[in-house]
Amino acid sequence: MANTPEIPDALLKDCKTPEDVGSLYSALLQRVINDSLDAEMDAYLADQAFGGNRRNVKLAKTVKGDFGELEIHTPRDCEGSFEPQLVNKPQIRMAGWKTRFSRCTPAATPCATSGS
């Protein structure tokens, strides 16, 4: 999908206060994190195509950072061998989160996510 002016305009149309913008940012960030964790699981299971491993459950946890607090849902596999990279299993702090995405460019795949 191309980034057109209509997309941010549609997202921001109901934002009247800084708190509204902050809530929108948190909701978008939560969605990006959860979708990214699902994509990590998809890639992990694709590498194990004939091993019989599959998705099991999603565990909710709260992570904290410069964005505030977010509840995310980390997917788990039946074997318990999946180790998410974006948000590690025991991780509850996400320091420097804003700078993680600033290093990502369309030409840089995958994005640098090492650290915290």
Protein backbone atom coordinates (compact mmCIF):
# COMPACT_ATOMS: atom_id res chain seq x y z
CA MET A 1 0.00 0.00 0.00
CA ALA A 2 1.33 3.39 -0.94
CA ASN A 3 1.63 6.01 1.77
CA THR A 4 -0.77 8.68 0.58
CA PRO A 5 -1.87 11.85 2.42
CA GLU A 6 -5.35 10.36 2.80
CA ILE A 7 -4.15 7.64 5.19
CA PRO A 8 -2.84 9.91 7.97
CA ASP A 9 -5.70 12.33 7.36
CA ALA A 10 -8.25 9.56 7.92
CA LEU A 11 -6.45 8.36 11.05
CA LEU A 12 -6.15 11.84 12.54
CA LYS A 13 -9.59 13.21 11.64
CA ASP A 14 -11.02 12.58 15.12
CA CYS A 15 -7.91 13.66 17.03
CA LYS A 16 -8.61 16.95 18.76
CA THR A 17 -6.12 16.89 21.65
CA PRO A 18 -2.58 15.69 22.27
CA GLU A 19 -4.11 12.85 24.33
CA ASP A 20 -6.12 11.75 21.28
CA VAL A 21 -2.93 11.63 19.21
CA GLY A 22 -1.17 9.71 21.98
CA SER A 23 -4.00 7.17 22.12
CA LEU A 24 -3.88 6.74 18.35
CA TYR A 25 -0.10 6.28 18.48
CA SER A 26 -0.42 3.64 21.22
CA ALA A 27 -3.12 1.77 19.32
CA LEU A 28 -1.07 1.76 16.12
CA LEU A 29 2.08 0.69 17.93
CA GLN A 30 0.24 -2.12 19.68
CA ARG A 31 -1.12 -3.31 16.33
CA VAL A 32 2.32 -3.16 14.68
CA ILE A 33 3.92 -5.12 17.52
CA ASN A 34 1.21 -7.81 17.57
CA ASP A 35 1.20 -8.16 13.77
CA SER A 36 5.01 -8.34 13.74
CA LEU A 37 5.03 -11.07 16.39
CA ASP A 38 2.49 -13.03 14.32
CA ALA A 39 4.70 -12.63 11.24
CA GLU A 40 7.71 -13.87 13.22
CA MET A 41 5.73 -16.97 14.21
CA ASP A 42 4.62 -17.52 10.59
CA ALA A 43 8.23 -17.39 9.40
CA TYR A 44 9.38 -19.66 12.22
CA LEU A 45 6.74 -22.29 11.48
CA ALA A 46 7.40 -22.08 7.73
CA ASP A 47 11.01 -23.07 8.44
CA GLN A 48 9.68 -26.14 10.27
CA ALA A 49 7.18 -27.14 7.59
CA PHE A 50 7.42 -30.89 8.11
CA GLY A 51 8.20 -30.96 11.84
CA GLY A 52 4.59 -31.02 13.04
CA ASN A 53 5.03 -27.92 15.20
CA ARG A 54 2.13 -25.46 15.08
CA ARG A 55 0.65 -22.44 16.80
CA ASN A 56 -0.71 -23.03 20.24
CA VAL A 57 -1.87 -19.96 22.18
CA LYS A 58 -1.15 -16.26 22.55
CA LEU A 59 -0.04 -15.00 25.93
CA ALA A 60 -0.87 -11.45 26.97
CA LYS A 61 1.65 -9.30 28.76
CA THR A 62 2.18 -5.62 29.41
CA VAL A 63 5.30 -3.95 28.07
CA LYS A 64 6.49 -0.51 29.14
CA GLY A 65 8.57 2.07 27.34
CA ASP A 66 8.77 5.68 26.23
CA PHE A 67 5.35 5.13 24.62
CA GLY A 68 3.69 4.23 27.94
CA GLU A 69 2.23 0.77 28.59
CA LEU A 70 0.84 -1.60 25.99
CA GLU A 71 -0.74 -5.01 26.28
CA ILE A 72 0.68 -7.28 23.61
CA HIS A 73 -0.14 -10.85 22.68
CA THR A 74 2.86 -13.07 22.04
CA PRO A 75 2.17 -16.23 20.00
CA ARG A 76 3.45 -19.55 21.32
CA ASP A 77 4.03 -22.84 19.55
CA CYS A 78 3.17 -26.35 20.75
CA GLU A 79 6.81 -27.32 21.23
CA GLY A 80 7.64 -24.14 23.15
CA SER A 81 10.69 -23.60 20.96
CA PHE A 82 9.66 -20.27 19.36
CA GLU A 83 11.74 -17.37 20.66
CA PRO A 84 10.31 -14.04 19.44
CA GLN A 85 12.95 -11.48 18.47
CA LEU A 86 10.95 -8.25 18.57
CA VAL A 87 9.86 -8.71 22.19
CA ASN A 88 11.66 -11.54 23.99
CA LYS A 89 9.66 -13.87 26.24
CA PRO A 90 10.77 -12.36 29.60
CA GLN A 91 11.07 -8.78 28.28
CA ILE A 92 8.77 -6.16 29.83
CA ARG A 93 10.77 -2.97 29.08
CA MET A 94 11.21 -1.63 25.57
CA ALA A 95 13.73 1.18 25.96
CA GLY A 96 14.63 3.07 22.80
CA TRP A 97 11.61 1.75 20.90
CA LYS A 98 11.22 4.92 18.83
CA THR A 99 14.77 4.59 17.51
CA ARG A 100 14.19 0.97 16.44
CA PHE A 101 11.76 1.97 13.73
CA SER A 102 13.75 5.04 12.71
CA ARG A 103 16.54 2.66 11.55
CA CYS A 104 14.09 0.82 9.29
CA THR A 105 13.92 1.88 5.69
CA PRO A 106 12.16 0.27 2.72
CA ALA A 107 15.54 -0.95 1.45
CA ALA A 108 16.58 -2.34 4.83
CA THR A 109 14.95 -5.70 5.40
CA PRO A 110 14.72 -6.99 7.98
CA CYS A 111 14.77 -4.03 10.35
CA ALA A 112 17.46 -3.87 13.00
CA THR A 113 15.85 -4.99 16.25
CA SER A 114 18.77 -5.96 18.38
CA GLY A 115 19.21 -4.54 21.83
CA SER A 116 16.69 -4.06 24.63
